[in-house]
């Protein structure tokens, strides 16, 4: 089981790889849409990548309330723990 710090590091890596976001710009408080310029299409790409990482089917409802990097970490932790 990955801990929150490992999940955060993985998400930061994904943001860098997929969207060329400087890891220095990413914090748990970073807002995906306003701080990191992730749009709805990018969010879909992020969900697809998280599905690959977790091996779990991600329901869109699980990510409707996701706004910050911390929200993404929390959603991934919940996915991993529900399995």
C-alpha atoms as a PDB file:
ATOM      1  CA  UNK A   1       0.000   0.000   0.000  1.00  0.00           C
ATOM      2  CA  UNK A   2       1.339   3.370  -0.958  1.00  0.00           C
ATOM      3  CA  UNK A   3       1.238   6.131   1.610  1.00  0.00           C
ATOM      4  CA  UNK A   4       0.001   9.649   0.914  1.00  0.00           C
ATOM      5  CA  UNK A   5       3.514  10.983   0.325  1.00  0.00           C
ATOM      6  CA  UNK A   6       4.245   8.317  -2.305  1.00  0.00           C
ATOM      7  CA  UNK A   7       0.912   9.001  -3.991  1.00  0.00           C
ATOM      8  CA  UNK A   8       1.616  12.754  -3.946  1.00  0.00           C
ATOM      9  CA  UNK A   9       5.028  12.175  -5.546  1.00  0.00           C
ATOM     10  CA  UNK A  10       3.473   9.966  -8.232  1.00  0.00           C
ATOM     11  CA  UNK A  11       0.772  12.548  -8.995  1.00  0.00           C
ATOM     12  CA  UNK A  12       3.405  15.276  -9.205  1.00  0.00           C
ATOM     13  CA  UNK A  13       5.341  13.092 -11.656  1.00  0.00           C
ATOM     14  CA  UNK A  14       2.194  12.482 -13.733  1.00  0.00           C
ATOM     15  CA  UNK A  15       1.451  16.219 -13.838  1.00  0.00           C
ATOM     16  CA  UNK A  16       4.984  16.849 -15.040  1.00  0.00           C
ATOM     17  CA  UNK A  17       4.904  14.068 -17.662  1.00  0.00           C
ATOM     18  CA  UNK A  18       1.421  14.714 -19.030  1.00  0.00           C
ATOM     19  CA  UNK A  19       1.149  18.481 -18.782  1.00  0.00           C
ATOM     20  CA  UNK A  20       4.774  19.677 -18.496  1.00  0.00           C
ATOM     21  CA  UNK A  21       4.063  21.273 -15.130  1.00  0.00           C
ATOM     22  CA  UNK A  22       7.170  22.155 -13.140  1.00  0.00           C
ATOM     23  CA  UNK A  23       7.156  19.974  -9.994  1.00  0.00           C
ATOM     24  CA  UNK A  24       8.250  23.062  -8.043  1.00  0.00           C
ATOM     25  CA  UNK A  25       4.834  24.596  -8.831  1.00  0.00           C
ATOM     26  CA  UNK A  26       2.950  21.626  -7.377  1.00  0.00           C
ATOM     27  CA  UNK A  27       1.911  21.525  -3.733  1.00  0.00           C
ATOM     28  CA  UNK A  28      -0.931  19.790  -1.934  1.00  0.00           C
ATOM     29  CA  UNK A  29      -2.756  23.131  -1.909  1.00  0.00           C
ATOM     30  CA  UNK A  30      -2.321  23.719  -5.668  1.00  0.00           C
ATOM     31  CA  UNK A  31      -5.672  24.201  -7.365  1.00  0.00           C
ATOM     32  CA  UNK A  32      -5.772  22.076 -10.516  1.00  0.00           C
ATOM     33  CA  UNK A  33      -7.697  24.529 -12.657  1.00  0.00           C
ATOM     34  CA  UNK A  34      -6.454  27.943 -11.532  1.00  0.00           C
ATOM     35  CA  UNK A  35      -2.916  27.240 -10.293  1.00  0.00           C
ATOM     36  CA  UNK A  36      -1.887  24.454 -12.676  1.00  0.00           C
ATOM     37  CA  UNK A  37      -4.006  25.390 -15.732  1.00  0.00           C
ATOM     38  CA  UNK A  38      -5.556  21.931 -16.037  1.00  0.00           C
ATOM     39  CA  UNK A  39      -8.758  22.030 -18.057  1.00  0.00           C
ATOM     40  CA  UNK A  40     -11.551  19.470 -18.307  1.00  0.00           C
ATOM     41  CA  UNK A  41      -9.836  17.590 -21.152  1.00  0.00           C
ATOM     42  CA  UNK A  42      -6.624  17.413 -19.093  1.00  0.00           C
ATOM     43  CA  UNK A  43      -8.654  16.181 -16.123  1.00  0.00           C
ATOM     44  CA  UNK A  44      -9.905  13.261 -18.226  1.00  0.00           C
ATOM     45  CA  UNK A  45      -6.295  12.445 -19.183  1.00  0.00           C
ATOM     46  CA  UNK A  46      -5.338  12.594 -15.515  1.00  0.00           C
ATOM     47  CA  UNK A  47      -8.137  10.181 -14.575  1.00  0.00           C
ATOM     48  CA  UNK A  48      -7.020   7.772 -17.329  1.00  0.00           C
ATOM     49  CA  UNK A  49      -3.459   7.876 -15.998  1.00  0.00           C
ATOM     50  CA  UNK A  50      -4.638   7.356 -12.413  1.00  0.00           C
ATOM     51  CA  UNK A  51      -6.608   4.326 -13.579  1.00  0.00           C
ATOM     52  CA  UNK A  52      -3.379   2.871 -14.998  1.00  0.00           C
ATOM     53  CA  UNK A  53      -1.542   3.570 -11.746  1.00  0.00           C
ATOM     54  CA  UNK A  54      -4.207   2.214  -9.402  1.00  0.00           C
ATOM     55  CA  UNK A  55      -5.508  -0.556 -11.612  1.00  0.00           C
ATOM     56  CA  UNK A  56      -8.991   0.517 -10.495  1.00  0.00           C
ATOM     57  CA  UNK A  57     -11.948   1.751 -12.482  1.00  0.00           C
ATOM     58  CA  UNK A  58     -12.485   5.378 -11.571  1.00  0.00           C
ATOM     59  CA  UNK A  59     -16.050   6.619 -11.482  1.00  0.00           C
ATOM     60  CA  UNK A  60     -16.516  10.210 -12.705  1.00  0.00           C
ATOM     61  CA  UNK A  61     -18.512  10.922  -9.538  1.00  0.00           C
ATOM     62  CA  UNK A  62     -15.378  10.199  -7.491  1.00  0.00           C
ATOM     63  CA  UNK A  63     -13.639  13.110  -9.181  1.00  0.00           C
ATOM     64  CA  UNK A  64     -16.449  15.664  -9.424  1.00  0.00           C
ATOM     65  CA  UNK A  65     -15.377  17.388  -6.215  1.00  0.00           C
ATOM     66  CA  UNK A  66     -11.637  17.229  -6.915  1.00  0.00           C
ATOM     67  CA  UNK A  67     -10.181  20.734  -7.018  1.00  0.00           C
ATOM     68  CA  UNK A  68      -6.701  20.532  -5.488  1.00  0.00           C
ATOM     69  CA  UNK A  69      -3.755  18.170  -5.597  1.00  0.00           C
ATOM     70  CA  UNK A  70      -4.696  17.108  -2.039  1.00  0.00           C
ATOM     71  CA  UNK A  71      -8.155  16.164  -3.346  1.00  0.00           C
ATOM     72  CA  UNK A  72      -6.514  13.966  -5.988  1.00  0.00           C
ATOM     73  CA  UNK A  73      -4.308  12.298  -3.362  1.00  0.00           C
ATOM     74  CA  UNK A  74      -7.339  11.703  -1.138  1.00  0.00           C
ATOM     75  CA  UNK A  75      -9.337  10.241  -4.051  1.00  0.00           C
ATOM     76  CA  UNK A  76      -6.497   7.866  -4.955  1.00  0.00           C
ATOM     77  CA  UNK A  77      -6.091   6.772  -1.318  1.00  0.00           C
ATOM     78  CA  UNK A  78      -9.839   6.096  -1.161  1.00  0.00           C
ATOM     79  CA  UNK A  79      -9.673   4.092  -4.417  1.00  0.00           C
ATOM     80  CA  UNK A  80      -6.785   1.984  -3.156  1.00  0.00           C
ATOM     81  CA  UNK A  81      -8.440   1.380   0.219  1.00  0.00           C
ATOM     82  CA  UNK A  82     -11.814   0.467  -1.266  1.00  0.00           C
ATOM     83  CA  UNK A  83     -10.253  -2.345  -3.246  1.00  0.00           C
END
